[in-house]
Amino acid sequence: MNKNCQVLGCKKEIKDSSRYCEFHSKGGVFGNGETYELYQIIEQDFIDFIKIIPINDPDHFKVHSPILQDIIVRSCVQIEFFFKEWAKYSYSKFVDSDLLEKYQKIKKSTGLETGARAWNFIDYFPFLKYEMISKKIYVRPLEKHIEPFKDWTNPKKTPNWWNVYNGIKHDGINTKKEANLKMALESLAALFLVHCNNKFSHAYLRQFTINQVMAKGTDFVLKKEQISTPLDSKKYLFKEYLGFKNSSVKIATNQELIDRVTFKGKSV
């Protein structure tokens, strides 16, 4: 018996026992890198800006600019888009969320799969509890961790950078000084952080991360590096925070595999 993909709004039919269609089973826009490509464009603009106004000087945090205003707006738009697509996968986990109720109400009244348009940013608060286990992000130029979602302690108290974004939307002329370097950094860091916490996006980024093979006694282990950005450079802006997670995986125990890794096997 055919059934539809369980991602909200997806009408594709599936015939086997899986929950998702082929596209969504691979992570959709998270798994194919589309969301990260959007992030990279914003990040590059931010990096170009801090080449002129470095972020390692605390006095520079108050610097405001139309460029920073634009970075904040684009980062927040992408964060909301990210949450919206994520929620289409995971809404059923959030028993204290009205995401599904809102979605079904719109669908019932219009007959269309457009209910996600009714979702607001505060509706995604449950992600902090159920999905976003790690909330810290390491900023290399500052040589410290920051917590972009630290201020989001309840649905009605949103992060400062989100409040600045709303200020820009509704009264950009009078709130332009609030669009400073600190808020741009935190909104961009928040965008990278959601990529690190979504399992599909994380898997996509992982394939570009260079890991290390290390000897451990008679075994060899693969030391998994944290995901950093830009992915093609040793000079990164952000790095995910692993906390107490185990970052090593055993990859060889028998002599044949060890010989291969150490080039002691037969010549080819």
C-alpha atoms as a PDB file:
ATOM      1  CA  MET A   1       0.000   0.000   0.000  1.00  0.00           C
ATOM      2  CA  ASN A   2       1.396   3.374  -1.018  1.00  0.00           C
ATOM      3  CA  LYS A   3       1.726   6.159   1.523  1.00  0.00           C
ATOM      4  CA  ASN A   4       3.045   9.703   1.515  1.00  0.00           C
ATOM      5  CA  CYS A   5       6.374  10.908   2.881  1.00  0.00           C
ATOM      6  CA  GLN A   6       5.960  11.905   6.539  1.00  0.00           C
ATOM      7  CA  VAL A   7       7.684  15.274   6.123  1.00  0.00           C
ATOM      8  CA  LEU A   8       4.955  17.912   6.373  1.00  0.00           C
ATOM      9  CA  GLY A   9       3.967  19.262   2.995  1.00  0.00           C
ATOM     10  CA  CYS A  10       5.666  16.514   0.984  1.00  0.00           C
ATOM     11  CA  LYS A  11       3.268  14.690  -1.332  1.00  0.00           C
ATOM     12  CA  LYS A  12       5.700  12.116  -2.698  1.00  0.00           C
ATOM     13  CA  GLU A  13       4.582   8.519  -2.333  1.00  0.00           C
ATOM     14  CA  ILE A  14       6.708   5.797  -0.760  1.00  0.00           C
ATOM     15  CA  LYS A  15       6.092   2.088  -1.222  1.00  0.00           C
ATOM     16  CA  ASP A  16       8.394   0.485   1.301  1.00  0.00           C
ATOM     17  CA  SER A  17       8.458   0.650   5.105  1.00  0.00           C
ATOM     18  CA  SER A  18      10.499   3.860   5.298  1.00  0.00           C
ATOM     19  CA  ARG A  19       9.051   7.079   6.651  1.00  0.00           C
ATOM     20  CA  TYR A  20      10.443   9.431   4.031  1.00  0.00           C
ATOM     21  CA  CYS A  21      10.749   9.777   0.276  1.00  0.00           C
ATOM     22  CA  GLU A  22      14.190   9.414  -1.282  1.00  0.00           C
ATOM     23  CA  PHE A  23      14.919  13.157  -1.123  1.00  0.00           C
ATOM     24  CA  HIS A  24      13.951  13.559   2.533  1.00  0.00           C
ATOM     25  CA  SER A  25      15.487  10.256   3.627  1.00  0.00           C
ATOM     26  CA  LYS A  26      18.840  11.788   2.604  1.00  0.00           C
ATOM     27  CA  GLY A  27      18.167  14.925   4.608  1.00  0.00           C
ATOM     28  CA  GLY A  28      16.483  17.139   2.022  1.00  0.00           C
ATOM     29  CA  VAL A  29      17.961  20.643   1.863  1.00  0.00           C
ATOM     30  CA  PHE A  30      20.156  19.780   4.878  1.00  0.00           C
ATOM     31  CA  GLY A  31      21.610  16.613   3.412  1.00  0.00           C
ATOM     32  CA  ASN A  32      22.386  17.988  -0.038  1.00  0.00           C
ATOM     33  CA  GLY A  33      24.221  21.043   1.298  1.00  0.00           C
ATOM     34  CA  GLU A  34      21.759  23.658   0.048  1.00  0.00           C
ATOM     35  CA  THR A  35      21.329  25.284   3.458  1.00  0.00           C
ATOM     36  CA  TYR A  36      25.077  25.345   4.061  1.00  0.00           C
ATOM     37  CA  GLU A  37      25.742  26.999   0.714  1.00  0.00           C
ATOM     38  CA  LEU A  38      23.432  29.812   1.798  1.00  0.00           C
ATOM     39  CA  TYR A  39      25.321  30.076   5.083  1.00  0.00           C
ATOM     40  CA  GLN A  40      28.692  30.295   3.328  1.00  0.00           C
ATOM     41  CA  ILE A  41      27.640  33.342   1.303  1.00  0.00           C
ATOM     42  CA  ILE A  42      26.759  35.247   4.484  1.00  0.00           C
ATOM     43  CA  GLU A  43      29.864  34.073   6.313  1.00  0.00           C
ATOM     44  CA  GLN A  44      32.154  35.272   3.530  1.00  0.00           C
ATOM     45  CA  ASP A  45      30.660  38.776   3.736  1.00  0.00           C
ATOM     46  CA  PHE A  46      31.234  38.758   7.498  1.00  0.00           C
ATOM     47  CA  ILE A  47      34.844  37.599   7.119  1.00  0.00           C
ATOM     48  CA  ASP A  48      35.497  40.348   4.575  1.00  0.00           C
ATOM     49  CA  PHE A  49      34.141  42.894   7.061  1.00  0.00           C
ATOM     50  CA  ILE A  50      36.247  41.733  10.015  1.00  0.00           C
ATOM     51  CA  LYS A  51      39.384  41.950   7.897  1.00  0.00           C
ATOM     52  CA  ILE A  52      38.852  45.709   8.191  1.00  0.00           C
ATOM     53  CA  ILE A  53      37.217  45.855  11.646  1.00  0.00           C
ATOM     54  CA  PRO A  54      38.701  42.929  13.670  1.00  0.00           C
ATOM     55  CA  ILE A  55      36.453  41.279  16.233  1.00  0.00           C
ATOM     56  CA  ASN A  56      39.268  40.598  18.709  1.00  0.00           C
ATOM     57  CA  ASP A  57      39.062  44.197  19.966  1.00  0.00           C
ATOM     58  CA  PRO A  58      36.104  44.526  22.388  1.00  0.00           C
ATOM     59  CA  ASP A  59      35.694  48.192  21.446  1.00  0.00           C
ATOM     60  CA  HIS A  60      34.819  47.143  17.916  1.00  0.00           C
ATOM     61  CA  PHE A  61      31.732  45.250  19.069  1.00  0.00           C
ATOM     62  CA  LYS A  62      29.783  48.521  19.104  1.00  0.00           C
ATOM     63  CA  VAL A  63      30.624  49.340  15.491  1.00  0.00           C
ATOM     64  CA  HIS A  64      27.465  49.461  13.388  1.00  0.00           C
ATOM     65  CA  SER A  65      27.147  49.414   9.632  1.00  0.00           C
ATOM     66  CA  PRO A  66      24.628  48.753   6.851  1.00  0.00           C
ATOM     67  CA  ILE A  67      26.770  45.716   5.986  1.00  0.00           C
ATOM     68  CA  LEU A  68      26.313  44.300   9.487  1.00  0.00           C
ATOM     69  CA  GLN A  69      22.625  45.110   9.344  1.00  0.00           C
ATOM     70  CA  ASP A  70      22.376  43.092   6.140  1.00  0.00           C
ATOM     71  CA  ILE A  71      24.301  40.171   7.676  1.00  0.00           C
ATOM     72  CA  ILE A  72      21.979  40.099  10.689  1.00  0.00           C
ATOM     73  CA  VAL A  73      18.879  40.123   8.500  1.00  0.00           C
ATOM     74  CA  ARG A  74      20.114  37.365   6.182  1.00  0.00           C
ATOM     75  CA  SER A  75      21.355  35.221   9.082  1.00  0.00           C
ATOM     76  CA  CYS A  76      18.029  35.446  10.905  1.00  0.00           C
ATOM     77  CA  VAL A  77      16.024  34.744   7.752  1.00  0.00           C
ATOM     78  CA  GLN A  78      18.108  31.603   7.220  1.00  0.00           C
ATOM     79  CA  ILE A  79      17.764  30.536  10.875  1.00  0.00           C
ATOM     80  CA  GLU A  80      13.980  30.758  10.629  1.00  0.00           C
ATOM     81  CA  PHE A  81      14.025  28.888   7.313  1.00  0.00           C
ATOM     82  CA  PHE A  82      16.266  26.225   8.870  1.00  0.00           C
ATOM     83  CA  PHE A  83      13.931  25.754  11.846  1.00  0.00           C
ATOM     84  CA  LYS A  84      10.879  25.625   9.583  1.00  0.00           C
ATOM     85  CA  GLU A  85      12.310  22.849   7.417  1.00  0.00           C
ATOM     86  CA  TRP A  86      13.628  21.035  10.492  1.00  0.00           C
ATOM     87  CA  ALA A  87      10.232  21.182  12.167  1.00  0.00           C
ATOM     88  CA  LYS A  88       8.611  19.546   9.146  1.00  0.00           C
ATOM     89  CA  TYR A  89      10.636  16.459  10.082  1.00  0.00           C
ATOM     90  CA  SER A  90      10.424  16.608  13.850  1.00  0.00           C
ATOM     91  CA  TYR A  91       7.191  18.322  14.887  1.00  0.00           C
ATOM     92  CA  SER A  92       5.701  15.124  16.383  1.00  0.00           C
ATOM     93  CA  LYS A  93       8.395  15.018  19.082  1.00  0.00           C
ATOM     94  CA  PHE A  94       7.335  18.303  20.615  1.00  0.00           C
ATOM     95  CA  VAL A  95       4.343  17.571  22.779  1.00  0.00           C
ATOM     96  CA  ASP A  96       4.455  21.088  24.257  1.00  0.00           C
ATOM     97  CA  SER A  97       4.470  22.777  20.850  1.00  0.00           C
ATOM     98  CA  ASP A  98       1.515  24.027  18.813  1.00  0.00           C
ATOM     99  CA  LEU A  99       3.346  23.600  15.498  1.00  0.00           C
ATOM    100  CA  LEU A 100       1.192  20.723  14.292  1.00  0.00           C
ATOM    101  CA  GLU A 101      -2.014  22.312  15.565  1.00  0.00           C
ATOM    102  CA  LYS A 102      -1.294  25.496  13.614  1.00  0.00           C
ATOM    103  CA  TYR A 103      -0.361  23.519  10.530  1.00  0.00           C
ATOM    104  CA  GLN A 104      -3.504  21.404  10.558  1.00  0.00           C
ATOM    105  CA  LYS A 105      -5.728  24.426  11.212  1.00  0.00           C
ATOM    106  CA  ILE A 106      -4.482  26.175   8.054  1.00  0.00           C
ATOM    107  CA  LYS A 107      -4.678  22.952   6.051  1.00  0.00           C
ATOM    108  CA  LYS A 108      -8.265  22.351   7.174  1.00  0.00           C
ATOM    109  CA  SER A 109      -9.418  25.870   6.319  1.00  0.00           C
ATOM    110  CA  THR A 110      -7.642  26.152   2.960  1.00  0.00           C
ATOM    111  CA  GLY A 111      -7.142  22.567   1.888  1.00  0.00           C
ATOM    112  CA  LEU A 112      -3.529  23.438   1.100  1.00  0.00           C
ATOM    113  CA  GLU A 113      -0.217  22.273   2.564  1.00  0.00           C
ATOM    114  CA  THR A 114       0.774  25.825   3.537  1.00  0.00           C
ATOM    115  CA  GLY A 115       0.334  25.575   7.296  1.00  0.00           C
ATOM    116  CA  ALA A 116       4.033  26.089   8.000  1.00  0.00           C
ATOM    117  CA  ARG A 117       3.582  29.737   7.009  1.00  0.00           C
ATOM    118  CA  ALA A 118       1.674  30.239  10.252  1.00  0.00           C
ATOM    119  CA  TRP A 119       4.653  29.225  12.370  1.00  0.00           C
ATOM    120  CA  ASN A 120       6.490  31.972  14.256  1.00  0.00           C
ATOM    121  CA  PHE A 121      10.048  32.025  15.533  1.00  0.00           C
ATOM    122  CA  ILE A 122       8.943  31.500  19.143  1.00  0.00           C
ATOM    123  CA  ASP A 123       7.210  28.273  18.074  1.00  0.00           C
ATOM    124  CA  TYR A 124      10.640  26.740  17.509  1.00  0.00           C
ATOM    125  CA  PHE A 125      11.688  27.139  21.148  1.00  0.00           C
ATOM    126  CA  PRO A 126      11.274  23.375  21.835  1.00  0.00           C
ATOM    127  CA  PHE A 127      14.272  22.723  19.572  1.00  0.00           C
ATOM    128  CA  LEU A 128      16.517  24.082  22.325  1.00  0.00           C
ATOM    129  CA  LYS A 129      15.291  21.339  24.645  1.00  0.00           C
ATOM    130  CA  TYR A 130      14.802  18.424  22.272  1.00  0.00           C
ATOM    131  CA  GLU A 131      17.359  18.951  19.518  1.00  0.00           C
ATOM    132  CA  MET A 132      20.009  21.555  20.330  1.00  0.00           C
ATOM    133  CA  ILE A 133      22.025  19.633  22.891  1.00  0.00           C
ATOM    134  CA  SER A 134      25.146  21.712  22.313  1.00  0.00           C
ATOM    135  CA  LYS A 135      24.625  25.463  22.517  1.00  0.00           C
ATOM    136  CA  LYS A 136      28.243  26.645  22.558  1.00  0.00           C
ATOM    137  CA  ILE A 137      30.341  27.597  19.565  1.00  0.00           C
ATOM    138  CA  TYR A 138      34.049  28.371  19.480  1.00  0.00           C
ATOM    139  CA  VAL A 139      35.163  31.625  17.846  1.00  0.00           C
ATOM    140  CA  ARG A 140      38.783  31.369  16.760  1.00  0.00           C
ATOM    141  CA  PRO A 141      39.610  35.111  16.520  1.00  0.00           C
ATOM    142  CA  LEU A 142      38.276  35.592  20.069  1.00  0.00           C
ATOM    143  CA  GLU A 143      39.830  32.342  21.361  1.00  0.00           C
ATOM    144  CA  LYS A 144      36.722  31.601  23.397  1.00  0.00           C
ATOM    145  CA  HIS A 145      33.265  30.034  23.269  1.00  0.00           C
ATOM    146  CA  ILE A 146      30.061  32.021  22.927  1.00  0.00           C
ATOM    147  CA  GLU A 147      26.436  30.939  23.421  1.00  0.00           C
ATOM    148  CA  PRO A 148      24.165  32.597  20.837  1.00  0.00           C
ATOM    149  CA  PHE A 149      20.999  31.042  22.289  1.00  0.00           C
ATOM    150  CA  LYS A 150      21.853  31.722  25.929  1.00  0.00           C
ATOM    151  CA  ASP A 151      19.190  34.428  26.309  1.00  0.00           C
ATOM    152  CA  TRP A 152      16.409  32.268  24.888  1.00  0.00           C
ATOM    153  CA  THR A 153      15.216  30.907  28.222  1.00  0.00           C
ATOM    154  CA  ASN A 154      11.502  30.811  27.346  1.00  0.00           C
ATOM    155  CA  PRO A 155       9.443  31.317  24.179  1.00  0.00           C
ATOM    156  CA  LYS A 156       8.666  34.951  24.959  1.00  0.00           C
ATOM    157  CA  LYS A 157      12.256  35.982  25.735  1.00  0.00           C
ATOM    158  CA  THR A 158      14.042  35.670  22.401  1.00  0.00           C
ATOM    159  CA  PRO A 159      17.809  36.156  21.878  1.00  0.00           C
ATOM    160  CA  ASN A 160      19.125  39.714  21.650  1.00  0.00           C
ATOM    161  CA  TRP A 161      20.231  39.272  18.045  1.00  0.00           C
ATOM    162  CA  TRP A 162      16.707  38.182  17.086  1.00  0.00           C
ATOM    163  CA  ASN A 163      15.261  41.262  18.806  1.00  0.00           C
ATOM    164  CA  VAL A 164      17.687  43.416  16.811  1.00  0.00           C
ATOM    165  CA  TYR A 165      16.550  41.676  13.632  1.00  0.00           C
ATOM    166  CA  ASN A 166      12.929  42.489  14.446  1.00  0.00           C
ATOM    167  CA  GLY A 167      13.943  46.073  15.147  1.00  0.00           C
ATOM    168  CA  ILE A 168      15.577  46.314  11.726  1.00  0.00           C
ATOM    169  CA  LYS A 169      12.438  44.962  10.033  1.00  0.00           C
ATOM    170  CA  HIS A 170      10.021  47.304  11.756  1.00  0.00           C
ATOM    171  CA  ASP A 171      12.091  50.429  12.425  1.00  0.00           C
ATOM    172  CA  GLY A 172      15.433  50.117  10.677  1.00  0.00           C
ATOM    173  CA  ILE A 173      16.199  53.840  10.650  1.00  0.00           C
ATOM    174  CA  ASN A 174      15.943  54.296  14.418  1.00  0.00           C
ATOM    175  CA  THR A 175      17.496  50.947  15.374  1.00  0.00           C
ATOM    176  CA  LYS A 176      20.493  50.981  13.034  1.00  0.00           C
ATOM    177  CA  LYS A 177      22.980  51.460  15.901  1.00  0.00           C
ATOM    178  CA  GLU A 178      21.806  48.207  17.437  1.00  0.00           C
ATOM    179  CA  ALA A 179      22.907  46.360  14.290  1.00  0.00           C
ATOM    180  CA  ASN A 180      26.476  46.184  15.523  1.00  0.00           C
ATOM    181  CA  LEU A 181      29.380  43.784  15.155  1.00  0.00           C
ATOM    182  CA  LYS A 182      28.480  41.834  18.287  1.00  0.00           C
ATOM    183  CA  MET A 183      24.942  41.130  17.091  1.00  0.00           C
ATOM    184  CA  ALA A 184      26.173  40.177  13.618  1.00  0.00           C
ATOM    185  CA  LEU A 185      28.676  37.741  15.117  1.00  0.00           C
ATOM    186  CA  GLU A 186      26.079  36.121  17.365  1.00  0.00           C
ATOM    187  CA  SER A 187      23.407  35.787  14.670  1.00  0.00           C
ATOM    188  CA  LEU A 188      25.902  34.228  12.249  1.00  0.00           C
ATOM    189  CA  ALA A 189      27.211  31.924  14.992  1.00  0.00           C
ATOM    190  CA  ALA A 190      23.631  30.875  15.758  1.00  0.00           C
ATOM    191  CA  LEU A 191      23.141  29.970  12.106  1.00  0.00           C
ATOM    192  CA  PHE A 192      26.261  27.802  12.075  1.00  0.00           C
ATOM    193  CA  LEU A 193      25.246  26.238  15.385  1.00  0.00           C
ATOM    194  CA  VAL A 194      21.936  24.938  14.040  1.00  0.00           C
ATOM    195  CA  HIS A 195      23.866  23.278  11.205  1.00  0.00           C
ATOM    196  CA  CYS A 196      26.048  21.489  13.759  1.00  0.00           C
ATOM    197  CA  ASN A 197      23.012  20.198  15.662  1.00  0.00           C
ATOM    198  CA  ASN A 198      20.848  18.963  12.821  1.00  0.00           C
ATOM    199  CA  LYS A 199      21.829  15.352  12.100  1.00  0.00           C
ATOM    200  CA  PHE A 200      21.503  15.651   8.321  1.00  0.00           C
ATOM    201  CA  SER A 201      23.408  18.922   8.057  1.00  0.00           C
ATOM    202  CA  HIS A 202      26.044  17.657  10.480  1.00  0.00           C
ATOM    203  CA  ALA A 203      26.555  14.546   8.354  1.00  0.00           C
ATOM    204  CA  TYR A 204      26.937  16.700   5.248  1.00  0.00           C
ATOM    205  CA  LEU A 205      29.580  18.893   6.889  1.00  0.00           C
ATOM    206  CA  ARG A 206      31.379  15.893   8.395  1.00  0.00           C
ATOM    207  CA  GLN A 207      32.379  14.572   4.972  1.00  0.00           C
ATOM    208  CA  PHE A 208      34.520  17.677   4.400  1.00  0.00           C
ATOM    209  CA  THR A 209      36.264  17.514   7.777  1.00  0.00           C
ATOM    210  CA  ILE A 210      39.834  16.200   7.790  1.00  0.00           C
ATOM    211  CA  ASN A 211      40.261  13.612  10.556  1.00  0.00           C
ATOM    212  CA  GLN A 212      43.474  12.171  11.989  1.00  0.00           C
ATOM    213  CA  VAL A 213      44.676   8.562  12.241  1.00  0.00           C
ATOM    214  CA  MET A 214      46.558   8.086  15.504  1.00  0.00           C
ATOM    215  CA  ALA A 215      48.390   5.167  17.082  1.00  0.00           C
ATOM    216  CA  LYS A 216      47.043   3.959  20.405  1.00  0.00           C
ATOM    217  CA  GLY A 217      49.098   1.066  21.691  1.00  0.00           C
ATOM    218  CA  THR A 218      48.813  -1.706  19.107  1.00  0.00           C
ATOM    219  CA  ASP A 219      45.626  -0.192  17.703  1.00  0.00           C
ATOM    220  CA  PHE A 220      44.947   2.705  15.412  1.00  0.00           C
ATOM    221  CA  VAL A 221      42.093   5.086  16.068  1.00  0.00           C
ATOM    222  CA  LEU A 222      40.422   7.685  13.901  1.00  0.00           C
ATOM    223  CA  LYS A 223      40.314  10.958  15.800  1.00  0.00           C
ATOM    224  CA  LYS A 224      37.298  12.918  14.636  1.00  0.00           C
ATOM    225  CA  GLU A 225      37.932  16.625  14.407  1.00  0.00           C
ATOM    226  CA  GLN A 226      35.249  19.154  15.246  1.00  0.00           C
ATOM    227  CA  ILE A 227      33.545  20.726  12.286  1.00  0.00           C
ATOM    228  CA  SER A 228      34.954  24.147  11.526  1.00  0.00           C
ATOM    229  CA  THR A 229      34.262  26.820   8.957  1.00  0.00           C
ATOM    230  CA  PRO A 230      35.293  27.711   6.294  1.00  0.00           C
ATOM    231  CA  LEU A 231      35.606  24.012   5.558  1.00  0.00           C
ATOM    232  CA  ASP A 232      38.374  24.456   2.977  1.00  0.00           C
ATOM    233  CA  SER A 233      40.745  26.397   5.216  1.00  0.00           C
ATOM    234  CA  LYS A 234      42.754  25.816   8.394  1.00  0.00           C
ATOM    235  CA  LYS A 235      41.904  29.379   9.382  1.00  0.00           C
ATOM    236  CA  TYR A 236      38.330  28.965  10.548  1.00  0.00           C
ATOM    237  CA  LEU A 237      35.883  31.390  12.089  1.00  0.00           C
ATOM    238  CA  PHE A 238      33.714  28.975  14.106  1.00  0.00           C
ATOM    239  CA  LYS A 239      34.199  25.456  15.412  1.00  0.00           C
ATOM    240  CA  GLU A 240      31.507  23.251  16.899  1.00  0.00           C
ATOM    241  CA  TYR A 241      31.697  22.478  20.605  1.00  0.00           C
ATOM    242  CA  LEU A 242      31.770  18.739  21.348  1.00  0.00           C
ATOM    243  CA  GLY A 243      31.807  18.951  25.123  1.00  0.00           C
ATOM    244  CA  PHE A 244      32.400  15.525  26.640  1.00  0.00           C
ATOM    245  CA  LYS A 245      31.559  13.502  23.555  1.00  0.00           C
ATOM    246  CA  ASN A 246      33.936  10.715  22.585  1.00  0.00           C
ATOM    247  CA  SER A 247      35.818  11.931  19.508  1.00  0.00           C
ATOM    248  CA  SER A 248      37.868   8.798  18.722  1.00  0.00           C
ATOM    249  CA  VAL A 249      36.821   5.684  16.817  1.00  0.00           C
ATOM    250  CA  LYS A 250      38.890   2.471  16.661  1.00  0.00           C
ATOM    251  CA  ILE A 251      39.619   1.628  13.032  1.00  0.00           C
ATOM    252  CA  ALA A 252      42.235  -1.161  13.207  1.00  0.00           C
ATOM    253  CA  THR A 253      43.054  -4.015  15.552  1.00  0.00           C
ATOM    254  CA  ASN A 254      44.525  -6.850  13.491  1.00  0.00           C
ATOM    255  CA  GLN A 255      48.067  -6.880  12.175  1.00  0.00           C
ATOM    256  CA  GLU A 256      47.076  -6.802   8.510  1.00  0.00           C
ATOM    257  CA  LEU A 257      45.213  -3.519   8.880  1.00  0.00           C
ATOM    258  CA  ILE A 258      47.988  -2.018  10.996  1.00  0.00           C
ATOM    259  CA  ASP A 259      50.537  -2.959   8.331  1.00  0.00           C
ATOM    260  CA  ARG A 260      48.460  -1.211   5.712  1.00  0.00           C
ATOM    261  CA  VAL A 261      48.245   1.994   7.718  1.00  0.00           C
ATOM    262  CA  THR A 262      51.962   1.954   8.538  1.00  0.00           C
ATOM    263  CA  PHE A 263      53.014   0.946   5.002  1.00  0.00           C
ATOM    264  CA  LYS A 264      54.595  -2.309   6.253  1.00  0.00           C
ATOM    265  CA  GLY A 265      52.467  -4.437   3.962  1.00  0.00           C
ATOM    266  CA  LYS A 266      53.470  -5.747   0.556  1.00  0.00           C
ATOM    267  CA  SER A 267      54.617  -3.275  -2.048  1.00  0.00           C
ATOM    268  CA  VAL A 268      52.140  -2.575  -4.819  1.00  0.00           C
END
